[in-house]
N, C-alpha and C. Protein backbone atom coordinates (compact mmCIF):
# COMPACT_ATOMS: atom_id res chain seq x y z
N MET A 1 -2.01 -17.64 -17.07
CA MET A 1 -2.00 -17.89 -15.66
C MET A 1 -3.26 -17.27 -15.03
N SER A 2 -3.61 -17.71 -13.86
CA SER A 2 -4.83 -17.23 -13.23
C SER A 2 -4.65 -15.84 -12.66
N GLN A 3 -5.75 -15.10 -12.62
CA GLN A 3 -5.73 -13.75 -12.08
C GLN A 3 -6.34 -13.76 -10.68
N PRO A 4 -5.73 -13.05 -9.73
CA PRO A 4 -6.24 -13.02 -8.36
C PRO A 4 -7.42 -12.07 -8.22
N ALA A 5 -8.09 -12.16 -7.11
CA ALA A 5 -9.10 -11.17 -6.77
C ALA A 5 -8.38 -9.86 -6.45
N LEU A 6 -9.05 -8.76 -6.65
CA LEU A 6 -8.46 -7.46 -6.35
C LEU A 6 -9.02 -6.91 -5.06
N PRO A 7 -8.34 -6.08 -4.32
CA PRO A 7 -6.93 -5.78 -4.47
C PRO A 7 -6.05 -6.82 -3.79
N ALA A 8 -4.77 -6.76 -4.10
CA ALA A 8 -3.81 -7.66 -3.46
C ALA A 8 -3.61 -7.24 -2.01
N ALA A 9 -3.07 -8.14 -1.25
CA ALA A 9 -2.82 -7.86 0.16
C ALA A 9 -1.43 -7.25 0.34
N ILE A 10 -1.35 -6.26 1.22
CA ILE A 10 -0.07 -5.70 1.64
C ILE A 10 0.27 -6.40 2.94
N VAL A 11 1.38 -7.14 2.95
CA VAL A 11 1.65 -8.07 4.04
C VAL A 11 3.04 -7.91 4.62
N SER A 12 3.21 -8.46 5.82
CA SER A 12 4.52 -8.55 6.45
C SER A 12 5.33 -9.64 5.75
N LEU A 13 6.62 -9.68 6.04
CA LEU A 13 7.46 -10.73 5.47
C LEU A 13 7.01 -12.11 5.94
N GLU A 14 6.61 -12.22 7.19
CA GLU A 14 6.14 -13.50 7.72
C GLU A 14 4.88 -13.96 6.99
N GLU A 15 3.97 -13.04 6.73
CA GLU A 15 2.75 -13.41 5.99
C GLU A 15 3.08 -13.80 4.55
N ALA A 16 3.98 -13.07 3.93
CA ALA A 16 4.38 -13.40 2.56
C ALA A 16 5.01 -14.79 2.50
N ALA A 17 5.87 -15.10 3.47
CA ALA A 17 6.50 -16.42 3.51
C ALA A 17 5.47 -17.52 3.73
N SER A 18 4.47 -17.25 4.53
CA SER A 18 3.41 -18.23 4.77
C SER A 18 2.61 -18.49 3.49
N TRP A 19 2.26 -17.42 2.78
CA TRP A 19 1.56 -17.59 1.51
C TRP A 19 2.44 -18.33 0.51
N ARG A 20 3.73 -17.99 0.46
CA ARG A 20 4.65 -18.66 -0.46
C ARG A 20 4.68 -20.16 -0.18
N ALA A 21 4.74 -20.56 1.08
CA ALA A 21 4.76 -21.99 1.44
C ALA A 21 3.46 -22.66 1.01
N ARG A 22 2.36 -22.00 1.24
CA ARG A 22 1.05 -22.54 0.85
C ARG A 22 0.98 -22.75 -0.66
N TRP A 23 1.43 -21.75 -1.42
CA TRP A 23 1.40 -21.85 -2.88
C TRP A 23 2.35 -22.93 -3.38
N ARG A 24 3.50 -23.08 -2.73
CA ARG A 24 4.43 -24.14 -3.12
C ARG A 24 3.77 -25.50 -2.92
N ASP A 25 3.09 -25.67 -1.77
CA ASP A 25 2.39 -26.92 -1.48
C ASP A 25 1.29 -27.21 -2.51
N GLN A 26 0.72 -26.17 -3.09
CA GLN A 26 -0.32 -26.32 -4.10
C GLN A 26 0.25 -26.50 -5.51
N GLY A 27 1.58 -26.47 -5.62
CA GLY A 27 2.23 -26.65 -6.92
C GLY A 27 2.19 -25.42 -7.80
N LEU A 28 1.95 -24.24 -7.22
CA LEU A 28 1.89 -23.00 -7.99
C LEU A 28 3.27 -22.37 -8.11
N THR A 29 3.53 -21.76 -9.26
CA THR A 29 4.79 -21.04 -9.43
C THR A 29 4.63 -19.62 -8.91
N VAL A 30 5.69 -19.13 -8.28
CA VAL A 30 5.67 -17.80 -7.66
C VAL A 30 6.80 -16.96 -8.23
N ALA A 31 6.44 -15.77 -8.67
CA ALA A 31 7.44 -14.81 -9.14
C ALA A 31 7.55 -13.67 -8.14
N LEU A 32 8.74 -13.12 -8.04
CA LEU A 32 9.01 -11.96 -7.20
C LEU A 32 9.57 -10.86 -8.07
N VAL A 33 9.04 -9.65 -7.93
CA VAL A 33 9.62 -8.46 -8.55
C VAL A 33 9.85 -7.45 -7.43
N ASN A 34 10.70 -6.49 -7.70
CA ASN A 34 10.93 -5.46 -6.70
C ASN A 34 11.24 -4.13 -7.36
N GLY A 35 11.04 -3.06 -6.60
CA GLY A 35 11.38 -1.74 -7.08
C GLY A 35 10.86 -0.66 -6.16
N ALA A 36 11.24 0.56 -6.46
CA ALA A 36 10.76 1.71 -5.69
C ALA A 36 9.34 2.06 -6.11
N PHE A 37 9.05 1.98 -7.40
CA PHE A 37 7.74 2.30 -7.95
C PHE A 37 7.29 3.70 -7.53
N ASP A 38 8.24 4.63 -7.55
CA ASP A 38 7.95 6.03 -7.23
C ASP A 38 7.39 6.69 -8.48
N LEU A 39 6.35 7.47 -8.34
CA LEU A 39 5.64 8.06 -9.47
C LEU A 39 5.30 6.98 -10.50
N PHE A 40 4.40 6.12 -10.12
CA PHE A 40 3.99 4.97 -10.93
C PHE A 40 3.66 5.40 -12.36
N HIS A 41 4.25 4.74 -13.33
CA HIS A 41 4.05 5.08 -14.74
C HIS A 41 3.82 3.81 -15.56
N VAL A 42 3.55 3.99 -16.84
CA VAL A 42 3.18 2.87 -17.71
C VAL A 42 4.29 1.82 -17.81
N GLY A 43 5.54 2.21 -17.69
CA GLY A 43 6.63 1.22 -17.70
C GLY A 43 6.52 0.29 -16.51
N HIS A 44 6.18 0.83 -15.34
CA HIS A 44 5.95 -0.02 -14.16
C HIS A 44 4.80 -0.98 -14.41
N LEU A 45 3.71 -0.46 -14.95
CA LEU A 45 2.52 -1.28 -15.20
C LEU A 45 2.85 -2.43 -16.14
N ARG A 46 3.55 -2.15 -17.21
CA ARG A 46 3.88 -3.19 -18.19
C ARG A 46 4.85 -4.22 -17.61
N TYR A 47 5.75 -3.78 -16.77
CA TYR A 47 6.67 -4.69 -16.07
C TYR A 47 5.90 -5.63 -15.15
N LEU A 48 4.99 -5.09 -14.36
CA LEU A 48 4.21 -5.93 -13.44
C LEU A 48 3.30 -6.89 -14.20
N ARG A 49 2.65 -6.40 -15.23
CA ARG A 49 1.78 -7.29 -16.02
C ARG A 49 2.59 -8.40 -16.68
N GLY A 50 3.75 -8.06 -17.23
CA GLY A 50 4.60 -9.06 -17.85
C GLY A 50 5.07 -10.11 -16.85
N ALA A 51 5.43 -9.66 -15.66
CA ALA A 51 5.87 -10.60 -14.62
C ALA A 51 4.72 -11.50 -14.20
N ALA A 52 3.53 -10.95 -14.07
CA ALA A 52 2.35 -11.74 -13.66
C ALA A 52 2.05 -12.84 -14.67
N GLU A 53 2.34 -12.60 -15.93
CA GLU A 53 2.07 -13.61 -16.97
C GLU A 53 3.04 -14.79 -16.90
N LEU A 54 4.14 -14.64 -16.18
CA LEU A 54 5.17 -15.69 -16.12
C LEU A 54 4.95 -16.71 -15.01
N ALA A 55 4.01 -16.44 -14.10
CA ALA A 55 3.85 -17.32 -12.93
C ALA A 55 2.38 -17.37 -12.52
N ASP A 56 2.09 -18.28 -11.62
CA ASP A 56 0.73 -18.38 -11.09
C ASP A 56 0.44 -17.30 -10.06
N ARG A 57 1.46 -16.89 -9.32
CA ARG A 57 1.31 -15.87 -8.28
C ARG A 57 2.47 -14.89 -8.36
N LEU A 58 2.17 -13.62 -8.04
CA LEU A 58 3.18 -12.56 -8.10
C LEU A 58 3.25 -11.83 -6.77
N ILE A 59 4.46 -11.79 -6.23
CA ILE A 59 4.75 -11.02 -5.02
C ILE A 59 5.62 -9.84 -5.44
N VAL A 60 5.26 -8.65 -4.96
CA VAL A 60 6.01 -7.45 -5.29
C VAL A 60 6.65 -6.88 -4.03
N GLY A 61 7.96 -6.73 -4.07
CA GLY A 61 8.68 -6.06 -3.00
C GLY A 61 8.83 -4.59 -3.34
N VAL A 62 8.31 -3.72 -2.48
CA VAL A 62 8.39 -2.27 -2.67
C VAL A 62 9.42 -1.72 -1.69
N ASN A 63 10.41 -1.00 -2.22
CA ASN A 63 11.43 -0.42 -1.35
C ASN A 63 10.80 0.58 -0.38
N ALA A 64 11.18 0.46 0.89
CA ALA A 64 10.74 1.41 1.91
C ALA A 64 11.33 2.79 1.61
N ASP A 65 10.72 3.82 2.20
CA ASP A 65 11.16 5.19 1.96
C ASP A 65 12.65 5.38 2.22
N ALA A 66 13.16 4.85 3.34
CA ALA A 66 14.57 5.04 3.68
C ALA A 66 15.49 4.41 2.64
N SER A 67 15.13 3.24 2.12
CA SER A 67 15.99 2.61 1.12
C SER A 67 15.93 3.36 -0.21
N VAL A 68 14.76 3.88 -0.57
CA VAL A 68 14.67 4.69 -1.80
C VAL A 68 15.55 5.93 -1.66
N ARG A 69 15.48 6.59 -0.53
CA ARG A 69 16.29 7.79 -0.29
C ARG A 69 17.78 7.45 -0.40
N ALA A 70 18.19 6.33 0.20
CA ALA A 70 19.60 5.92 0.14
C ALA A 70 20.03 5.59 -1.28
N LEU A 71 19.15 4.99 -2.06
CA LEU A 71 19.49 4.58 -3.42
C LEU A 71 19.35 5.71 -4.45
N LYS A 72 18.36 6.58 -4.27
CA LYS A 72 18.04 7.58 -5.29
C LYS A 72 18.41 9.00 -4.89
N GLY A 73 18.64 9.25 -3.60
CA GLY A 73 19.05 10.58 -3.15
C GLY A 73 17.95 11.31 -2.40
N GLU A 74 18.35 12.42 -1.78
CA GLU A 74 17.40 13.25 -1.03
C GLU A 74 16.29 13.73 -1.96
N GLY A 75 15.13 13.90 -1.39
CA GLY A 75 13.98 14.32 -2.18
C GLY A 75 13.19 13.15 -2.75
N ARG A 76 13.72 11.96 -2.63
CA ARG A 76 13.02 10.76 -3.10
C ARG A 76 12.75 9.88 -1.89
N PRO A 77 11.72 9.14 -1.88
CA PRO A 77 10.71 9.04 -2.93
C PRO A 77 9.77 10.25 -2.90
N MET A 78 9.07 10.43 -3.99
CA MET A 78 8.08 11.49 -4.08
C MET A 78 6.78 11.06 -3.39
N ILE A 79 6.50 9.78 -3.43
CA ILE A 79 5.27 9.21 -2.88
C ILE A 79 5.65 8.32 -1.70
N PRO A 80 4.99 8.45 -0.54
CA PRO A 80 5.32 7.63 0.62
C PRO A 80 5.09 6.13 0.36
N GLU A 81 5.85 5.30 1.07
CA GLU A 81 5.82 3.85 0.85
C GLU A 81 4.42 3.25 0.97
N ALA A 82 3.62 3.68 1.92
CA ALA A 82 2.28 3.11 2.09
C ALA A 82 1.42 3.38 0.86
N GLU A 83 1.55 4.56 0.28
CA GLU A 83 0.78 4.89 -0.92
C GLU A 83 1.31 4.14 -2.14
N ARG A 84 2.64 4.01 -2.24
CA ARG A 84 3.21 3.25 -3.36
C ARG A 84 2.76 1.79 -3.28
N ALA A 85 2.77 1.21 -2.08
CA ALA A 85 2.34 -0.17 -1.90
C ALA A 85 0.86 -0.33 -2.27
N GLU A 86 0.04 0.63 -1.88
CA GLU A 86 -1.38 0.57 -2.21
C GLU A 86 -1.61 0.63 -3.72
N LEU A 87 -0.86 1.48 -4.41
CA LEU A 87 -0.98 1.54 -5.87
C LEU A 87 -0.60 0.22 -6.51
N ILE A 88 0.51 -0.36 -6.08
CA ILE A 88 0.97 -1.63 -6.64
C ILE A 88 -0.04 -2.73 -6.35
N ALA A 89 -0.61 -2.73 -5.16
CA ALA A 89 -1.60 -3.76 -4.80
C ALA A 89 -2.85 -3.68 -5.66
N SER A 90 -3.09 -2.54 -6.28
CA SER A 90 -4.30 -2.40 -7.11
C SER A 90 -4.12 -2.91 -8.53
N VAL A 91 -2.91 -3.30 -8.89
CA VAL A 91 -2.63 -3.76 -10.25
C VAL A 91 -3.09 -5.21 -10.42
N ARG A 92 -3.88 -5.45 -11.46
CA ARG A 92 -4.34 -6.81 -11.75
C ARG A 92 -3.12 -7.71 -11.98
N GLY A 93 -3.12 -8.86 -11.34
CA GLY A 93 -2.02 -9.80 -11.47
C GLY A 93 -1.10 -9.81 -10.27
N VAL A 94 -1.15 -8.77 -9.44
CA VAL A 94 -0.33 -8.72 -8.23
C VAL A 94 -1.10 -9.41 -7.11
N ASP A 95 -0.46 -10.37 -6.45
CA ASP A 95 -1.12 -11.11 -5.37
C ASP A 95 -0.76 -10.58 -3.99
N LEU A 96 0.51 -10.28 -3.78
CA LEU A 96 0.97 -9.78 -2.48
C LEU A 96 1.95 -8.64 -2.69
N VAL A 97 1.96 -7.71 -1.75
CA VAL A 97 2.93 -6.62 -1.75
C VAL A 97 3.57 -6.59 -0.37
N HIS A 98 4.90 -6.48 -0.37
CA HIS A 98 5.64 -6.36 0.89
C HIS A 98 6.59 -5.18 0.79
N VAL A 99 6.54 -4.26 1.75
CA VAL A 99 7.47 -3.14 1.81
C VAL A 99 8.72 -3.62 2.55
N PHE A 100 9.88 -3.53 1.89
CA PHE A 100 11.10 -4.03 2.51
C PHE A 100 12.10 -2.91 2.73
N GLU A 101 12.88 -3.06 3.81
CA GLU A 101 13.78 -2.01 4.28
C GLU A 101 15.18 -2.06 3.68
N SER A 102 15.65 -3.24 3.28
CA SER A 102 17.05 -3.39 2.88
C SER A 102 17.34 -2.63 1.58
N LEU A 103 18.62 -2.36 1.35
CA LEU A 103 19.03 -1.64 0.14
C LEU A 103 18.99 -2.52 -1.10
N ASP A 104 19.03 -3.83 -0.90
CA ASP A 104 18.87 -4.73 -2.04
C ASP A 104 17.82 -5.78 -1.67
N VAL A 105 17.43 -6.54 -2.67
CA VAL A 105 16.31 -7.47 -2.50
C VAL A 105 16.76 -8.87 -2.06
N VAL A 106 18.05 -9.09 -1.88
CA VAL A 106 18.55 -10.42 -1.55
C VAL A 106 17.89 -11.00 -0.29
N PRO A 107 17.75 -10.24 0.81
CA PRO A 107 17.07 -10.83 1.97
C PRO A 107 15.64 -11.31 1.67
N LEU A 108 14.95 -10.60 0.81
CA LEU A 108 13.59 -11.00 0.42
C LEU A 108 13.63 -12.27 -0.43
N ILE A 109 14.58 -12.35 -1.33
CA ILE A 109 14.76 -13.56 -2.14
C ILE A 109 15.04 -14.76 -1.23
N GLU A 110 15.93 -14.58 -0.27
CA GLU A 110 16.29 -15.67 0.63
C GLU A 110 15.11 -16.10 1.50
N ALA A 111 14.28 -15.16 1.89
CA ALA A 111 13.13 -15.50 2.73
C ALA A 111 12.00 -16.17 1.95
N LEU A 112 11.80 -15.74 0.70
CA LEU A 112 10.65 -16.23 -0.07
C LEU A 112 10.99 -17.33 -1.07
N ARG A 113 12.26 -17.42 -1.47
CA ARG A 113 12.71 -18.45 -2.40
C ARG A 113 11.77 -18.57 -3.61
N PRO A 114 11.62 -17.48 -4.37
CA PRO A 114 10.69 -17.52 -5.51
C PRO A 114 11.18 -18.46 -6.61
N ASP A 115 10.23 -18.97 -7.37
CA ASP A 115 10.59 -19.77 -8.55
C ASP A 115 11.24 -18.88 -9.60
N LEU A 116 10.75 -17.64 -9.69
CA LEU A 116 11.26 -16.66 -10.64
C LEU A 116 11.51 -15.34 -9.93
N HIS A 117 12.62 -14.71 -10.26
CA HIS A 117 12.85 -13.33 -9.84
C HIS A 117 12.86 -12.54 -11.15
N VAL A 118 11.92 -11.63 -11.30
CA VAL A 118 11.72 -10.95 -12.59
C VAL A 118 12.21 -9.52 -12.50
N LYS A 119 13.02 -9.15 -13.48
CA LYS A 119 13.53 -7.79 -13.60
C LYS A 119 13.04 -7.19 -14.91
N GLY A 120 13.20 -5.87 -15.04
CA GLY A 120 12.78 -5.16 -16.24
C GLY A 120 13.77 -5.31 -17.38
N THR A 121 13.40 -4.75 -18.51
CA THR A 121 14.18 -4.93 -19.73
C THR A 121 15.47 -4.13 -19.77
N ASP A 122 15.76 -3.37 -18.71
CA ASP A 122 17.07 -2.73 -18.65
C ASP A 122 18.14 -3.72 -18.18
N TYR A 123 17.72 -4.96 -17.92
CA TYR A 123 18.63 -6.05 -17.54
C TYR A 123 18.55 -7.16 -18.59
N THR A 124 19.55 -8.02 -18.55
CA THR A 124 19.49 -9.31 -19.23
C THR A 124 19.59 -10.35 -18.12
N PRO A 125 19.25 -11.60 -18.38
CA PRO A 125 19.38 -12.61 -17.32
C PRO A 125 20.80 -12.66 -16.72
N GLU A 126 21.80 -12.36 -17.53
CA GLU A 126 23.18 -12.41 -17.04
C GLU A 126 23.56 -11.20 -16.19
N THR A 127 22.86 -10.08 -16.35
CA THR A 127 23.24 -8.86 -15.62
C THR A 127 22.38 -8.58 -14.39
N VAL A 128 21.42 -9.44 -14.09
CA VAL A 128 20.59 -9.24 -12.90
C VAL A 128 21.49 -9.35 -11.66
N PRO A 129 21.59 -8.30 -10.85
CA PRO A 129 22.51 -8.31 -9.71
C PRO A 129 22.26 -9.44 -8.72
N GLU A 130 21.02 -9.85 -8.58
CA GLU A 130 20.66 -10.88 -7.60
C GLU A 130 20.65 -12.29 -8.18
N ARG A 131 21.13 -12.45 -9.39
CA ARG A 131 21.04 -13.75 -10.07
C ARG A 131 21.61 -14.89 -9.24
N GLU A 132 22.79 -14.70 -8.67
CA GLU A 132 23.42 -15.78 -7.90
C GLU A 132 22.57 -16.14 -6.68
N ALA A 133 22.02 -15.15 -6.00
CA ALA A 133 21.17 -15.42 -4.83
C ALA A 133 19.91 -16.19 -5.24
N VAL A 134 19.34 -15.81 -6.36
CA VAL A 134 18.13 -16.49 -6.86
C VAL A 134 18.46 -17.95 -7.16
N GLU A 135 19.54 -18.18 -7.87
CA GLU A 135 19.92 -19.54 -8.24
C GLU A 135 20.27 -20.37 -7.01
N ARG A 136 20.95 -19.76 -6.03
CA ARG A 136 21.26 -20.45 -4.77
C ARG A 136 19.99 -20.91 -4.07
N CYS A 137 18.92 -20.16 -4.23
CA CYS A 137 17.64 -20.48 -3.58
C CYS A 137 16.76 -21.37 -4.46
N GLY A 138 17.30 -21.85 -5.57
CA GLY A 138 16.57 -22.78 -6.42
C GLY A 138 15.69 -22.15 -7.48
N GLY A 139 15.79 -20.85 -7.66
CA GLY A 139 14.97 -20.16 -8.66
C GLY A 139 15.76 -19.79 -9.89
N ARG A 140 15.11 -19.05 -10.76
CA ARG A 140 15.79 -18.53 -11.95
C ARG A 140 15.33 -17.10 -12.18
N VAL A 141 16.11 -16.36 -12.96
CA VAL A 141 15.75 -14.99 -13.28
C VAL A 141 15.02 -14.95 -14.61
N ALA A 142 14.18 -13.95 -14.77
CA ALA A 142 13.45 -13.73 -16.01
C ALA A 142 13.36 -12.23 -16.23
N ILE A 143 13.11 -11.84 -17.46
CA ILE A 143 12.99 -10.44 -17.84
C ILE A 143 11.58 -10.22 -18.37
N ALA A 144 10.97 -9.10 -17.98
CA ALA A 144 9.60 -8.80 -18.42
C ALA A 144 9.44 -7.30 -18.61
N GLY A 145 8.41 -6.95 -19.35
CA GLY A 145 8.07 -5.54 -19.57
C GLY A 145 8.43 -5.10 -20.97
N ASP A 146 8.15 -3.85 -21.23
CA ASP A 146 8.48 -3.30 -22.54
C ASP A 146 9.87 -2.67 -22.49
N PRO A 147 10.38 -2.24 -23.64
CA PRO A 147 11.71 -1.60 -23.63
C PRO A 147 11.73 -0.45 -22.62
N LYS A 148 12.86 -0.21 -22.04
CA LYS A 148 13.01 0.80 -20.98
C LYS A 148 12.90 2.20 -21.60
N ASP A 149 11.67 2.57 -21.97
CA ASP A 149 11.41 3.88 -22.55
C ASP A 149 10.81 4.85 -21.53
N HIS A 150 10.61 4.39 -20.30
CA HIS A 150 9.99 5.21 -19.28
C HIS A 150 10.81 5.13 -18.01
N SER A 151 10.94 6.24 -17.30
CA SER A 151 11.63 6.21 -16.01
C SER A 151 11.08 7.31 -15.13
N THR A 152 11.13 7.06 -13.83
CA THR A 152 10.69 8.07 -12.88
C THR A 152 11.60 9.28 -12.94
N SER A 153 12.91 9.06 -13.06
CA SER A 153 13.86 10.18 -13.14
C SER A 153 13.55 11.08 -14.33
N GLU A 154 13.27 10.46 -15.47
CA GLU A 154 12.92 11.23 -16.67
C GLU A 154 11.62 12.00 -16.45
N LEU A 155 10.65 11.36 -15.84
CA LEU A 155 9.38 12.02 -15.55
C LEU A 155 9.60 13.22 -14.62
N LEU A 156 10.43 13.05 -13.60
CA LEU A 156 10.72 14.16 -12.69
C LEU A 156 11.41 15.31 -13.42
N GLU A 157 12.31 14.98 -14.34
CA GLU A 157 12.98 16.03 -15.12
C GLU A 157 11.96 16.80 -15.96
N ARG A 158 11.06 16.07 -16.61
CA ARG A 158 10.03 16.74 -17.42
C ARG A 158 9.13 17.61 -16.55
N LEU A 159 8.75 17.10 -15.39
CA LEU A 159 7.90 17.89 -14.49
C LEU A 159 8.64 19.13 -13.99
N GLY A 160 9.93 18.99 -13.74
CA GLY A 160 10.71 20.13 -13.28
C GLY A 160 10.90 21.19 -14.34
N SER A 161 10.75 20.83 -15.61
CA SER A 161 10.93 21.79 -16.68
C SER A 161 9.68 22.60 -16.97
N LEU A 162 8.57 22.27 -16.34
CA LEU A 162 7.36 23.06 -16.53
C LEU A 162 7.56 24.45 -15.94
N ASP A 163 7.12 25.47 -16.64
CA ASP A 163 7.24 26.79 -16.03
C ASP A 163 6.04 27.03 -15.12
N ALA A 164 6.16 28.01 -14.28
CA ALA A 164 5.15 28.25 -13.24
C ALA A 164 3.76 28.47 -13.82
N SER A 165 3.64 28.98 -15.02
CA SER A 165 2.32 29.26 -15.58
C SER A 165 1.56 28.00 -15.97
N THR A 166 2.29 26.86 -16.15
CA THR A 166 1.63 25.63 -16.54
C THR A 166 1.34 24.72 -15.36
N ARG A 167 1.81 25.08 -14.18
CA ARG A 167 1.61 24.24 -12.99
C ARG A 167 0.24 24.46 -12.40
N GLU A 168 -0.34 23.37 -11.93
CA GLU A 168 -1.65 23.48 -11.28
C GLU A 168 -1.53 23.29 -9.81
């Protein structure tokens, strides 16, 4: 699939929907991925690259700070939403980034109607929570990335286990 110019645009939902309509008119396939992307790690990178390979254009929904806190608990996210969005926008293959407020991605799926909604390898097509919403909107689910060997929670645990003498 084609690679976009860098960096990707961080856009409002209205702008993302406008781009989605334009790409549909051009016959391009559009994939949507979503996540908190807190403490960006190689698992995130491989997931995004894998998703980008499945479609002509990739839109990434980044959970807003309030939704990350509600989903992951106090103290999260570690990185503010604007910085997380900027990091994601710098990844080759990402075309658009939208920071969304809801606790789940269904409103974004309904607004953008992606051809593909891509989740990581901790899911199967049958276990994707948004599968019914995706199919209702005319899309399908796909799985991308490497085995789930990396997680932000695990990284935070490892960082918390450092003793004071090793911290910079």
